[in-house]
Amino acid sequence: MQNGIEPAARTRFGPLSLIAFAGLLVSAAASAQVTVKAEDFQKADSPWDMAFLADGTMLFTEKCKGLSVRLPTGKVNALLGVGGSTGFASVRDDLFCDGQAGVQGVAVDPQFATNRFVYLYSSSKGVNRTYGGYNNIVMRMKLDDSLTKVSDIVEIINDIGYKPAKSAHPFGGPGAHNGGRIRFSPADGFLYVLTGDNHSGEGPQSPTQIRGKVLRVDRDGKAAAGNNPPAGFDKRIFAYGFRNPQGIAFRPGTNEPFVSENGPWHTDEVTKIVNGGNGGWDPRDNRNGRGACPDGYCGYSPNQMGAMPQSERSAFMPMTDLRAFPDAMKPAWTNNGLSQGMCGSVFLVGKQWKEWEGRLAVGYAGIGIHGTPTGNRIDILDLSQDGLSSKRSEMSWPTFAGRLRHLSIGPDNALYVADEGSGMIYRVTPN
């Protein structure tokens, strides 16, 4: 091991050894000179998110285990575990995982050097929870100087929606469409919290339900000064009308926030969000020309599991419904009308990325239906200055069935990729 980084696998003959030997080839001809290599960095069970300290220390979450920290030496300290877990410095019995839900986003306070605060988004159960005994929550805690334990845990948000029961939809189990990414903006210092629609028809456009939203709050969980949602909306809401946003990244130079979210058998989207903006997702039934839908949710209608053209699905249940909401925020990228499980995203920084510097890297979990391609890739988006369009290059990724859940940039400007499929966080660098 050199510089605290585990070397790439040398004895395996699977897909990763091919990466380490040949690099990840870029398929777009216009960007053929940008090639990358990947190394095993940290083994993890369903890795979901990563956040870095300035010295390269990495906080990371495992959806069904908890929060841990990886030191620059490579040593891992398990900090906070879900109920029933072992080996963690502390355990909270209310934390759990089910389906798409569990321990998810982690963020480091911009003033960590003085306050030691880190933040965690997780699913929680108990008699005090409001959705059938469940909620998603955001906790603030202190990480000690030795990086071995957390203390002073405070729930700064405890009323985020959760899906407690199975419904008649694809991926219809509890915990569906759980959102979960949290990030601080370098511009305003506020915490942005992404929440999913939980298969709730009413949630995304609801003024009071914290479902299908982007929240902007201070370190105590209170509404950020300057939030401007429509009249009657919860003041913590910065933007609304989302399906299942999985990534948020802030554009270098302007710090404009861009959200990435996965679509319903069609139309993954990357959208520049604005204060008070509507993402245009409205899966309620008996409106906008639609009749009744299964369990009151039209998100996969009109033909939940059957084969049909993506354009017909989109016409019936658009991701951004500009007919119902003419002023909705228009996406910069719609993945050519496909849904492939778009997840986390981050802007690439550093001269070593060549023409990719400043572009948005977006990962996919590899979902397909009735023969549509599954993805399992990273897109590189060259966003227009106004954030309303983009040009796409592709960073080739192994063809095994990975789930690229999140991408982060470390203080070394390397790209760190969490793959649920292989249970690995990779360190990816340009050649």
Protein backbone atom coordinates (compact mmCIF):
# COMPACT_ATOMS: atom_id res chain seq x y z
CA MET A 1 0.00 0.00 0.00
CA GLN A 2 1.31 3.44 -0.94
CA ASN A 3 0.06 6.81 0.32
CA GLY A 4 -2.76 5.08 2.20
CA ILE A 5 -4.26 3.69 -1.03
CA GLU A 6 -4.84 -0.01 -1.47
CA PRO A 7 -3.21 -1.25 -4.69
CA ALA A 8 -5.36 -2.53 -7.51
CA ALA A 9 -6.07 -6.25 -7.49
CA ARG A 10 -3.16 -8.14 -9.05
CA THR A 11 -4.26 -11.77 -8.84
CA ARG A 12 -7.90 -11.54 -9.88
CA PHE A 13 -8.85 -12.33 -13.45
CA GLY A 14 -12.29 -10.68 -13.32
CA PRO A 15 -13.40 -7.29 -14.66
CA LEU A 16 -11.39 -5.23 -12.19
CA SER A 17 -8.07 -6.72 -13.27
CA LEU A 18 -8.96 -5.68 -16.80
CA ILE A 19 -9.54 -2.14 -15.54
CA ALA A 20 -6.22 -2.01 -13.72
CA PHE A 21 -4.38 -3.40 -16.75
CA ALA A 22 -5.98 -1.47 -19.57
CA GLY A 23 -7.82 1.43 -17.97
CA LEU A 24 -11.37 2.48 -18.66
CA LEU A 25 -11.63 3.43 -22.33
CA VAL A 26 -13.68 6.44 -23.31
CA SER A 27 -16.14 5.52 -26.04
CA ALA A 28 -16.87 8.97 -27.38
CA ALA A 29 -14.51 9.70 -30.26
CA ALA A 30 -14.33 13.39 -29.44
CA SER A 31 -12.82 12.59 -26.03
CA ALA A 32 -10.69 9.58 -27.00
CA GLN A 33 -7.55 11.09 -25.48
CA VAL A 34 -9.07 10.95 -21.97
CA THR A 35 -8.53 7.50 -20.52
CA VAL A 36 -8.65 6.50 -16.90
CA LYS A 37 -7.52 3.77 -14.56
CA ALA A 38 -9.25 2.39 -11.48
CA GLU A 39 -7.95 0.90 -8.25
CA ASP A 40 -9.69 -0.94 -5.46
CA PHE A 41 -9.82 1.61 -2.65
CA GLN A 42 -12.19 0.37 0.05
CA LYS A 43 -14.20 -2.82 0.35
CA ALA A 44 -17.73 -2.06 1.58
CA ASP A 45 -21.12 -3.74 1.87
CA SER A 46 -23.59 -1.81 -0.32
CA PRO A 47 -21.57 1.43 -0.22
CA TRP A 48 -23.89 4.40 -0.59
CA ASP A 49 -22.05 7.67 0.03
CA MET A 50 -18.64 9.16 0.76
CA ALA A 51 -17.42 12.48 2.20
CA PHE A 52 -13.83 13.57 2.71
CA LEU A 53 -11.81 15.53 5.20
CA ALA A 54 -9.01 17.73 3.89
CA ASP A 55 -6.28 15.18 4.67
CA GLY A 56 -7.93 12.39 2.65
CA THR A 57 -9.81 10.77 5.53
CA MET A 58 -13.01 9.33 4.05
CA LEU A 59 -16.32 8.96 5.82
CA PHE A 60 -18.48 6.36 4.07
CA THR A 61 -21.85 4.70 4.57
CA GLU A 62 -22.95 1.13 4.06
CA LYS A 63 -26.71 1.01 3.61
CA CYS A 64 -27.39 -1.93 5.92
CA LYS A 65 -24.48 -1.47 8.33
CA GLY A 66 -23.82 2.15 9.18
CA LEU A 67 -21.25 4.94 9.14
CA SER A 68 -17.49 4.32 9.13
CA VAL A 69 -14.32 6.32 8.56
CA ARG A 70 -11.27 5.30 6.54
CA LEU A 71 -8.03 6.92 7.66
CA PRO A 72 -5.27 7.92 5.19
CA THR A 73 -3.34 4.88 6.41
CA GLY A 74 -6.13 2.60 5.18
CA LYS A 75 -7.33 1.73 8.69
CA VAL A 76 -11.14 1.72 9.07
CA ASN A 77 -13.01 2.70 12.23
CA ALA A 78 -16.67 1.68 12.39
CA LEU A 79 -18.49 4.58 14.05
CA LEU A 80 -22.29 4.26 14.13
CA GLY A 81 -24.20 1.08 13.29
CA VAL A 82 -27.79 0.12 12.60
CA GLY A 83 -29.72 -1.91 15.14
CA GLY A 84 -28.27 -5.39 15.61
CA SER A 85 -24.92 -4.58 14.01
CA THR A 86 -21.62 -5.46 15.64
CA GLY A 87 -18.16 -3.97 15.59
CA PHE A 88 -19.30 -0.33 15.70
CA ALA A 89 -18.29 2.09 18.42
CA SER A 90 -22.00 2.79 18.98
CA VAL A 91 -25.29 1.41 17.71
CA ARG A 92 -28.74 2.98 17.40
CA ASP A 93 -31.55 0.45 17.53
CA ASP A 94 -33.92 2.76 15.62
CA LEU A 95 -31.70 2.72 12.52
CA PHE A 96 -32.39 -0.03 9.98
CA CYS A 97 -32.40 -0.88 6.29
CA ASP A 98 -35.17 -2.23 4.06
CA GLY A 99 -35.24 -2.23 0.27
CA GLN A 100 -33.88 1.06 -1.02
CA ALA A 101 -33.79 2.60 2.46
CA GLY A 102 -31.17 2.55 5.17
CA VAL A 103 -28.06 4.50 6.12
CA GLN A 104 -27.48 6.78 3.14
CA GLY A 105 -26.05 10.28 2.77
CA VAL A 106 -23.13 11.66 4.75
CA ALA A 107 -21.77 15.21 4.74
CA VAL A 108 -18.99 17.11 6.50
CA ASP A 109 -19.63 20.54 7.97
CA PRO A 110 -17.75 23.34 6.17
CA GLN A 111 -16.44 24.37 9.60
CA PHE A 112 -15.50 20.84 10.63
CA ALA A 113 -12.03 21.90 11.75
CA THR A 114 -13.60 23.86 14.61
CA ASN A 115 -16.96 22.18 15.30
CA ARG A 116 -16.23 18.49 14.34
CA PHE A 117 -19.76 18.14 12.91
CA VAL A 118 -20.75 15.46 10.43
CA TYR A 119 -24.28 14.77 9.17
CA LEU A 120 -26.04 11.52 8.35
CA TYR A 121 -29.29 10.70 6.50
CA SER A 122 -30.87 7.43 7.60
CA SER A 123 -34.13 5.54 7.90
CA SER A 124 -35.45 5.27 11.46
CA LYS A 125 -38.28 3.40 13.17
CA GLY A 126 -40.07 3.91 16.47
CA VAL A 127 -43.30 4.90 18.16
CA ASN A 128 -42.47 8.57 17.59
CA ARG A 129 -42.17 8.18 13.80
CA THR A 130 -45.03 9.50 11.69
CA TYR A 131 -45.29 7.25 8.59
CA GLY A 132 -46.58 4.01 10.08
CA GLY A 133 -43.82 4.02 12.66
CA TYR A 134 -41.07 5.08 10.23
CA ASN A 135 -39.35 8.23 8.99
CA ASN A 136 -36.18 9.28 7.30
CA ILE A 137 -34.11 11.56 9.48
CA VAL A 138 -30.99 13.75 9.30
CA MET A 139 -28.66 13.59 12.29
CA ARG A 140 -25.84 15.91 13.29
CA MET A 141 -23.04 14.45 15.39
CA LYS A 142 -19.52 15.18 16.55
CA LEU A 143 -16.56 13.09 15.41
CA ASP A 144 -13.88 12.88 18.08
CA ASP A 145 -10.26 13.88 17.53
CA SER A 146 -9.11 10.26 17.35
CA LEU A 147 -11.69 9.48 14.64
CA THR A 148 -12.93 6.48 16.59
CA LYS A 149 -16.41 7.48 17.78
CA VAL A 150 -19.25 9.97 17.40
CA SER A 151 -21.14 11.76 20.14
CA ASP A 152 -23.73 14.49 20.74
CA ILE A 153 -26.13 13.05 18.15
CA VAL A 154 -28.99 15.45 17.41
CA GLU A 155 -31.85 14.81 14.97
CA ILE A 156 -32.02 18.08 13.07
CA ILE A 157 -34.74 16.80 10.68
CA ASN A 158 -37.02 13.95 11.75
CA ASP A 159 -40.15 14.24 9.58
CA ILE A 160 -38.96 13.16 6.13
CA GLY A 161 -41.36 10.74 4.43
CA TYR A 162 -40.92 6.97 4.29
CA LYS A 163 -42.79 4.17 2.50
CA PRO A 164 -43.75 1.68 5.24
CA ALA A 165 -45.70 -0.95 3.29
CA LYS A 166 -45.60 -2.84 0.01
CA SER A 167 -47.68 -1.52 -2.89
CA ALA A 168 -48.65 -2.75 -6.36
CA HIS A 169 -45.76 -1.20 -8.24
CA PRO A 170 -42.42 -2.25 -9.69
CA PHE A 171 -39.83 -2.13 -6.89
CA GLY A 172 -42.92 -1.76 -4.72
CA GLY A 173 -41.57 -2.89 -1.36
CA PRO A 174 -41.12 -0.77 1.77
CA GLY A 175 -38.44 1.89 1.65
CA ALA A 176 -38.88 2.64 -2.06
CA HIS A 177 -37.84 5.97 -3.62
CA ASN A 178 -36.02 7.05 -0.51
CA GLY A 179 -33.82 9.89 -1.80
CA GLY A 180 -31.05 10.31 0.74
CA ARG A 181 -28.21 12.47 -0.60
CA ILE A 182 -27.04 15.39 1.56
CA ARG A 183 -24.46 18.03 0.61
CA PHE A 184 -23.31 21.45 1.76
CA SER A 185 -23.19 24.21 -0.84
CA PRO A 186 -19.79 25.91 -1.05
CA ALA A 187 -21.62 29.13 -1.93
CA ASP A 188 -24.06 29.59 0.94
CA GLY A 189 -22.87 27.07 3.53
CA PHE A 190 -26.34 25.52 3.87
CA LEU A 191 -27.14 21.81 3.87
CA TYR A 192 -29.15 20.51 0.89
CA VAL A 193 -31.22 17.36 1.57
CA LEU A 194 -32.74 15.23 -1.21
CA THR A 195 -35.92 13.25 -0.48
CA GLY A 196 -37.76 10.73 -2.67
CA ASP A 197 -41.47 10.50 -3.40
CA ASN A 198 -41.87 7.16 -1.48
CA HIS A 199 -44.35 5.98 -4.17
CA SER A 200 -46.69 8.71 -2.93
CA GLY A 201 -48.85 10.37 -5.57
CA GLU A 202 -49.39 13.50 -3.53
CA GLY A 203 -45.91 13.89 -2.07
CA PRO A 204 -43.89 15.70 -4.75
CA GLN A 205 -46.35 18.59 -5.18
CA SER A 206 -47.51 18.66 -1.55
CA PRO A 207 -46.74 21.89 0.30
CA THR A 208 -46.29 20.11 3.63
CA GLN A 209 -45.13 16.53 3.01
CA ILE A 210 -41.34 16.25 2.88
CA ARG A 211 -41.38 13.88 -0.10
CA GLY A 212 -39.94 14.50 -3.54
CA LYS A 213 -38.20 17.64 -2.33
CA VAL A 214 -34.84 19.39 -2.05
CA LEU A 215 -34.55 20.98 1.37
CA ARG A 216 -32.11 23.75 2.27
CA VAL A 217 -31.43 24.09 5.98
CA ASP A 218 -28.87 25.39 8.44
CA ARG A 219 -26.81 23.14 10.70
CA ASP A 220 -29.72 23.02 13.20
CA GLY A 221 -32.17 21.86 10.53
CA LYS A 222 -34.03 25.17 10.36
CA ALA A 223 -35.09 26.71 7.04
CA ALA A 224 -32.25 28.56 5.35
CA ALA A 225 -32.65 32.30 5.19
CA GLY A 226 -33.76 33.20 1.69
CA ASN A 227 -35.69 30.02 0.85
CA ASN A 228 -38.56 31.04 -1.42
CA PRO A 229 -41.03 28.18 -1.86
CA PRO A 230 -44.62 28.94 -2.95
CA ALA A 231 -47.01 30.36 -0.38
CA GLY A 232 -48.13 27.77 2.16
CA PHE A 233 -45.12 25.49 1.63
CA ASP A 234 -42.84 24.31 4.40
CA LYS A 235 -40.10 26.94 4.58
CA ARG A 236 -37.36 24.30 4.52
CA ILE A 237 -38.25 23.49 0.90
CA PHE A 238 -35.83 24.92 -1.66
CA ALA A 239 -37.25 23.04 -4.68
CA TYR A 240 -40.01 20.46 -5.12
CA GLY A 241 -41.65 18.13 -7.63
CA PHE A 242 -39.04 15.34 -7.78
CA ARG A 243 -39.30 11.57 -8.16
CA ASN A 244 -36.24 10.03 -6.55
CA PRO A 245 -33.29 12.42 -6.66
CA GLN A 246 -30.02 10.60 -5.99
CA GLY A 247 -27.32 13.20 -6.57
CA ILE A 248 -26.64 16.90 -6.08
CA ALA A 249 -23.49 18.70 -7.19
CA PHE A 250 -22.45 22.36 -7.28
CA ARG A 251 -20.93 23.73 -10.47
CA PRO A 252 -17.38 25.05 -10.02
CA GLY A 253 -17.20 28.79 -10.45
CA THR A 254 -20.92 29.49 -10.11
CA ASN A 255 -21.91 26.95 -7.40
CA GLU A 256 -25.23 26.38 -9.18
CA PRO A 257 -26.85 23.19 -7.84
CA PHE A 258 -27.60 20.37 -10.30
CA VAL A 259 -29.73 17.40 -9.27
CA SER A 260 -29.62 13.93 -10.87
CA GLU A 261 -32.61 11.61 -10.55
CA ASN A 262 -33.81 8.35 -12.04
CA GLY A 263 -36.93 8.12 -14.17
CA PRO A 264 -39.91 5.70 -14.34
CA TRP A 265 -38.87 3.34 -17.18
CA HIS A 266 -37.96 6.50 -19.11
CA THR A 267 -36.15 9.83 -18.88
CA ASP A 268 -33.46 10.00 -16.22
CA GLU A 269 -32.83 13.70 -15.67
CA VAL A 270 -30.11 16.15 -14.67
CA THR A 271 -31.60 19.53 -13.78
CA LYS A 272 -30.24 22.86 -12.61
CA ILE A 273 -32.46 23.71 -9.67
CA VAL A 274 -33.47 27.20 -8.62
CA ASN A 275 -34.90 28.60 -5.42
CA GLY A 276 -38.63 27.85 -5.26
CA GLY A 277 -38.53 25.83 -8.47
CA ASN A 278 -40.81 22.95 -9.44
CA GLY A 279 -39.24 19.80 -10.94
CA GLY A 280 -42.54 18.99 -12.64
CA TRP A 281 -43.05 15.43 -11.32
CA ASP A 282 -46.68 14.89 -10.34
CA PRO A 283 -47.70 11.21 -10.14
CA ARG A 284 -51.17 11.80 -8.70
CA ASP A 285 -54.03 9.96 -10.38
CA ASN A 286 -57.28 11.48 -11.68
CA ARG A 287 -55.60 14.63 -12.97
CA ASN A 288 -53.66 15.92 -15.95
CA GLY A 289 -55.70 13.69 -18.26
CA ARG A 290 -55.11 10.51 -16.27
CA GLY A 291 -57.65 8.30 -14.55
CA ALA A 292 -57.16 6.06 -11.55
CA CYS A 293 -53.76 4.41 -11.11
CA PRO A 294 -52.63 1.50 -8.88
CA ASP A 295 -52.62 2.56 -5.22
CA GLY A 296 -53.15 6.18 -6.29
CA TYR A 297 -49.70 6.45 -7.88
CA CYS A 298 -49.23 6.88 -11.64
CA GLY A 299 -45.45 6.83 -11.55
CA TYR A 300 -45.13 3.66 -13.67
CA SER A 301 -48.35 4.00 -15.66
CA PRO A 302 -49.90 3.41 -18.15
CA ASN A 303 -48.37 -0.06 -18.41
CA GLN A 304 -46.41 -0.78 -15.26
CA MET A 305 -44.42 -3.81 -16.41
CA GLY A 306 -45.45 -4.33 -20.02
CA ALA A 307 -43.44 -3.46 -23.11
CA MET A 308 -44.23 -0.18 -24.82
CA PRO A 309 -42.29 2.66 -26.47
CA GLN A 310 -40.53 4.98 -24.04
CA SER A 311 -42.03 8.00 -25.78
CA GLU A 312 -45.55 6.75 -25.04
CA ARG A 313 -44.70 6.24 -21.39
CA SER A 314 -43.26 9.73 -21.23
CA ALA A 315 -46.30 11.30 -22.90
CA PHE A 316 -48.62 9.68 -20.35
CA MET A 317 -46.48 10.27 -17.21
CA PRO A 318 -43.73 12.84 -17.94
CA MET A 319 -40.83 13.34 -15.58
CA THR A 320 -41.10 17.09 -16.14
CA ASP A 321 -44.74 17.87 -16.93
CA LEU A 322 -44.52 21.14 -18.82
CA ARG A 323 -48.19 20.96 -19.82
CA ALA A 324 -49.33 20.96 -16.21
CA PHE A 325 -46.47 23.17 -15.01
CA PRO A 326 -45.27 25.45 -17.83
CA ASP A 327 -42.78 27.15 -15.51
CA ALA A 328 -41.20 23.91 -14.29
CA MET A 329 -37.41 23.67 -14.31
CA LYS A 330 -36.30 22.16 -17.61
CA PRO A 331 -33.68 19.40 -17.51
CA ALA A 332 -30.25 19.78 -19.08
CA TRP A 333 -29.97 16.05 -19.83
CA THR A 334 -32.67 13.41 -20.23
CA ASN A 335 -30.54 10.32 -20.96
CA ASN A 336 -31.98 10.07 -24.47
CA GLY A 337 -35.36 9.23 -22.99
CA LEU A 338 -34.12 6.14 -21.13
CA SER A 339 -34.27 5.18 -17.49
CA GLN A 340 -31.12 3.34 -16.40
CA GLY A 341 -31.05 4.14 -12.70
CA MET A 342 -29.25 7.49 -12.68
CA CYS A 343 -27.69 7.98 -9.27
CA GLY A 344 -25.00 10.22 -7.78
CA SER A 345 -23.06 12.92 -9.61
CA VAL A 346 -20.12 15.23 -9.06
CA PHE A 347 -18.17 17.84 -11.01
CA LEU A 348 -14.62 16.90 -11.99
CA VAL A 349 -11.96 19.33 -10.79
CA GLY A 350 -8.27 19.57 -11.53
CA LYS A 351 -6.17 20.07 -14.67
CA GLN A 352 -5.40 16.36 -14.85
CA TRP A 353 -8.95 15.78 -16.16
CA LYS A 354 -8.01 17.69 -19.35
CA GLU A 355 -11.12 18.75 -21.28
CA TRP A 356 -13.29 16.99 -18.72
CA GLU A 357 -12.32 19.49 -16.03
CA GLY A 358 -15.46 21.26 -14.81
CA ARG A 359 -17.80 18.71 -16.38
CA LEU A 360 -20.40 16.68 -14.50
CA ALA A 361 -19.76 12.97 -13.97
CA VAL A 362 -22.98 10.97 -13.51
CA GLY A 363 -23.22 7.31 -12.48
CA TYR A 364 -25.90 4.73 -13.29
CA ALA A 365 -27.15 1.71 -11.36
CA GLY A 366 -27.80 -0.30 -14.52
CA ILE A 367 -31.56 -0.74 -14.86
CA GLY A 368 -33.35 -1.79 -18.04
CA ILE A 369 -36.78 -3.01 -19.11
CA HIS A 370 -37.81 -5.14 -22.09
CA GLY A 371 -34.45 -5.02 -23.81
CA THR A 372 -33.46 -1.40 -23.17
CA PRO A 373 -29.72 -1.04 -22.43
CA THR A 374 -28.89 -1.19 -18.75
CA GLY A 375 -26.13 1.42 -18.57
CA ASN A 376 -23.62 0.45 -15.85
CA ARG A 377 -21.57 3.45 -16.89
CA ILE A 378 -20.43 6.98 -16.06
CA ASP A 379 -21.52 9.84 -18.30
CA ILE A 380 -19.48 13.03 -18.60
CA LEU A 381 -21.78 15.99 -19.26
CA ASP A 382 -20.55 19.26 -20.74
CA LEU A 383 -23.32 21.52 -19.48
CA SER A 384 -24.22 24.70 -21.31
CA GLN A 385 -23.61 28.02 -19.63
CA ASP A 386 -27.32 28.45 -18.88
CA GLY A 387 -27.59 24.89 -17.55
CA LEU A 388 -30.44 23.98 -19.90
CA SER A 389 -28.63 21.62 -22.27
CA SER A 390 -25.53 19.45 -22.38
CA LYS A 391 -23.21 17.43 -24.56
CA ARG A 392 -22.36 13.91 -23.47
CA SER A 393 -19.20 11.81 -23.45
CA GLU A 394 -19.00 8.36 -21.92
CA MET A 395 -16.43 6.95 -19.54
CA SER A 396 -16.55 3.25 -20.25
CA TRP A 397 -17.11 1.06 -17.21
CA PRO A 398 -16.84 -2.72 -16.75
CA THR A 399 -19.64 -4.74 -18.27
CA PHE A 400 -20.38 -6.72 -15.12
CA ALA A 401 -23.64 -5.89 -13.36
CA GLY A 402 -22.46 -3.13 -11.10
CA ARG A 403 -24.59 -0.50 -9.42
CA LEU A 404 -22.68 2.79 -9.47
CA ARG A 405 -24.47 4.36 -6.54
CA HIS A 406 -22.37 7.46 -6.03
CA LEU A 407 -19.42 9.49 -7.26
CA SER A 408 -17.32 11.82 -5.10
CA ILE A 409 -14.22 13.93 -5.64
CA GLY A 410 -11.52 13.56 -3.02
CA PRO A 411 -9.09 16.23 -1.89
CA ASP A 412 -6.60 14.65 -4.32
CA ASN A 413 -9.09 15.42 -7.15
CA ALA A 414 -9.45 11.70 -7.90
CA LEU A 415 -12.92 10.35 -8.63
CA TYR A 416 -14.21 7.90 -6.02
CA VAL A 417 -16.95 5.54 -7.24
CA ALA A 418 -19.18 3.51 -4.91
CA ASP A 419 -20.34 0.30 -6.61
CA GLU A 420 -23.02 -1.63 -4.76
CA GLY A 421 -22.69 -4.50 -7.22
CA SER A 422 -19.08 -5.38 -6.42
CA GLY A 423 -19.10 -4.02 -2.88
CA MET A 424 -16.19 -1.72 -3.63
CA ILE A 425 -15.32 1.96 -3.59
CA TYR A 426 -12.93 2.56 -6.49
CA ARG A 427 -10.39 5.35 -6.92
CA VAL A 428 -10.45 6.49 -10.55
CA THR A 429 -7.80 8.76 -12.06
CA PRO A 430 -6.99 9.95 -15.58
CA ASN A 431 -3.94 8.44 -17.27
